[in-house]
Structure formats: C-alpha cells, structure tokens
Amino acid sequence: MLKATILIKKNIDISRFPKLIAFIKRQNDGYKPKKSKLLTREEMDRFLKEAPNDKYLLSK
C-alpha cells in the first residue's frame, strides 16, 4: 500500500531502492494495530433513548 501511494502521489517507484524497502520492513517489526472499541447492544439502545435530539438527531 505504501509503495502504491508513493507511486501515485510522487511518481516515484520505490522498488528501485532496496535499502529503503529493507528499512521500512525493519520499522514494521513488532507493530500491532489498535483495535477499535465497539459499542455493545445495550450502549446503543441507551444512546438512542437518552441522547438529546437537538444535538444527535442526525446520528440517530
């Protein structure tokens, strides 16, 4: 994805730079993306019932 983004935005093919590819792969070691928090069914129901309409009507 990074390679495609750089190619589109800057028109640079980074596959010609093997040291750069190796550096990027080393930087990625140990990376764990955060999981997004999800609302439970009860939290959703409570939001729909208790949230003020004047502020959250478009979200409901």
C-alpha atoms as a PDB file:
ATOM      1  CA  MET A   1       0.000   0.000   0.000  1.00  0.00           C
ATOM      2  CA  LEU A   2       2.821   2.400   0.810  1.00  0.00           C
ATOM      3  CA  LYS A   3       4.536   1.624  -2.485  1.00  0.00           C
ATOM      4  CA  ALA A   4       1.362   2.365  -4.441  1.00  0.00           C
ATOM      5  CA  THR A   5       0.703   5.579  -2.517  1.00  0.00           C
ATOM      6  CA  ILE A   6       4.193   6.939  -3.163  1.00  0.00           C
ATOM      7  CA  LEU A   7       3.970   5.943  -6.810  1.00  0.00           C
ATOM      8  CA  ILE A   8       0.653   7.760  -7.265  1.00  0.00           C
ATOM      9  CA  LYS A   9       1.383  10.883  -5.194  1.00  0.00           C
ATOM     10  CA  LYS A  10       5.065  11.487  -6.003  1.00  0.00           C
ATOM     11  CA  ASN A  11       5.507   9.355  -9.140  1.00  0.00           C
ATOM     12  CA  ILE A  12       8.485   7.556  -7.556  1.00  0.00           C
ATOM     13  CA  ASP A  13       8.927   3.798  -7.896  1.00  0.00           C
ATOM     14  CA  ILE A  14      10.468   2.762  -4.563  1.00  0.00           C
ATOM     15  CA  SER A  15      11.114  -0.789  -5.797  1.00  0.00           C
ATOM     16  CA  ARG A  16      14.329   0.640  -7.292  1.00  0.00           C
ATOM     17  CA  PHE A  17      15.574   1.370  -3.745  1.00  0.00           C
ATOM     18  CA  PRO A  18      16.196  -1.974  -1.986  1.00  0.00           C
ATOM     19  CA  LYS A  19      17.770  -0.328   1.083  1.00  0.00           C
ATOM     20  CA  LEU A  20      14.644   1.771   1.571  1.00  0.00           C
ATOM     21  CA  ILE A  21      12.415  -1.311   1.328  1.00  0.00           C
ATOM     22  CA  ALA A  22      14.584  -3.127   3.898  1.00  0.00           C
ATOM     23  CA  PHE A  23      14.440  -0.097   6.225  1.00  0.00           C
ATOM     24  CA  ILE A  24      10.644   0.109   6.002  1.00  0.00           C
ATOM     25  CA  LYS A  25      10.316  -3.611   6.742  1.00  0.00           C
ATOM     26  CA  ARG A  26      12.585  -3.274   9.804  1.00  0.00           C
ATOM     27  CA  GLN A  27      10.483  -0.382  11.096  1.00  0.00           C
ATOM     28  CA  ASN A  28       7.351  -2.515  10.783  1.00  0.00           C
ATOM     29  CA  ASP A  29       8.626  -5.287  13.110  1.00  0.00           C
ATOM     30  CA  GLY A  30       6.513  -5.559  16.245  1.00  0.00           C
ATOM     31  CA  TYR A  31       3.796  -3.203  15.004  1.00  0.00           C
ATOM     32  CA  LYS A  32       0.355  -4.170  16.264  1.00  0.00           C
ATOM     33  CA  PRO A  33      -2.589  -2.051  15.126  1.00  0.00           C
ATOM     34  CA  LYS A  34      -5.037  -0.880  17.761  1.00  0.00           C
ATOM     35  CA  LYS A  35      -8.442  -2.482  17.794  1.00  0.00           C
ATOM     36  CA  SER A  36     -11.254  -0.001  17.691  1.00  0.00           C
ATOM     37  CA  LYS A  37     -13.707  -0.043  20.545  1.00  0.00           C
ATOM     38  CA  LEU A  38     -17.210  -1.213  19.705  1.00  0.00           C
ATOM     39  CA  LEU A  39     -20.458  -0.300  21.360  1.00  0.00           C
ATOM     40  CA  THR A  40     -22.480  -3.073  22.934  1.00  0.00           C
ATOM     41  CA  ARG A  41     -26.139  -3.539  22.114  1.00  0.00           C
ATOM     42  CA  GLU A  42     -27.091  -2.064  25.496  1.00  0.00           C
ATOM     43  CA  GLU A  43     -24.925   1.012  24.928  1.00  0.00           C
ATOM     44  CA  MET A  44     -26.526   1.584  21.526  1.00  0.00           C
ATOM     45  CA  ASP A  45     -30.025   1.266  22.953  1.00  0.00           C
ATOM     46  CA  ARG A  46     -29.157   3.644  25.789  1.00  0.00           C
ATOM     47  CA  PHE A  47     -27.760   6.188  23.315  1.00  0.00           C
ATOM     48  CA  LEU A  48     -30.877   6.052  21.169  1.00  0.00           C
ATOM     49  CA  LYS A  49     -33.135   6.545  24.180  1.00  0.00           C
ATOM     50  CA  GLU A  50     -31.157   9.067  26.235  1.00  0.00           C
ATOM     51  CA  ALA A  51     -29.154  11.231  23.810  1.00  0.00           C
ATOM     52  CA  PRO A  52     -30.678  14.679  23.261  1.00  0.00           C
ATOM     53  CA  ASN A  53     -32.345  15.008  19.864  1.00  0.00           C
ATOM     54  CA  ASP A  54     -31.256  18.607  19.314  1.00  0.00           C
ATOM     55  CA  LYS A  55     -27.601  17.521  19.276  1.00  0.00           C
ATOM     56  CA  TYR A  56     -27.629  13.914  17.967  1.00  0.00           C
ATOM     57  CA  LEU A  57     -30.739  13.684  15.782  1.00  0.00           C
ATOM     58  CA  LEU A  58     -28.754  13.139  12.568  1.00  0.00           C
ATOM     59  CA  SER A  59     -26.805  10.310  14.235  1.00  0.00           C
ATOM     60  CA  LYS A  60     -29.944   8.569  15.396  1.00  0.00           C
END
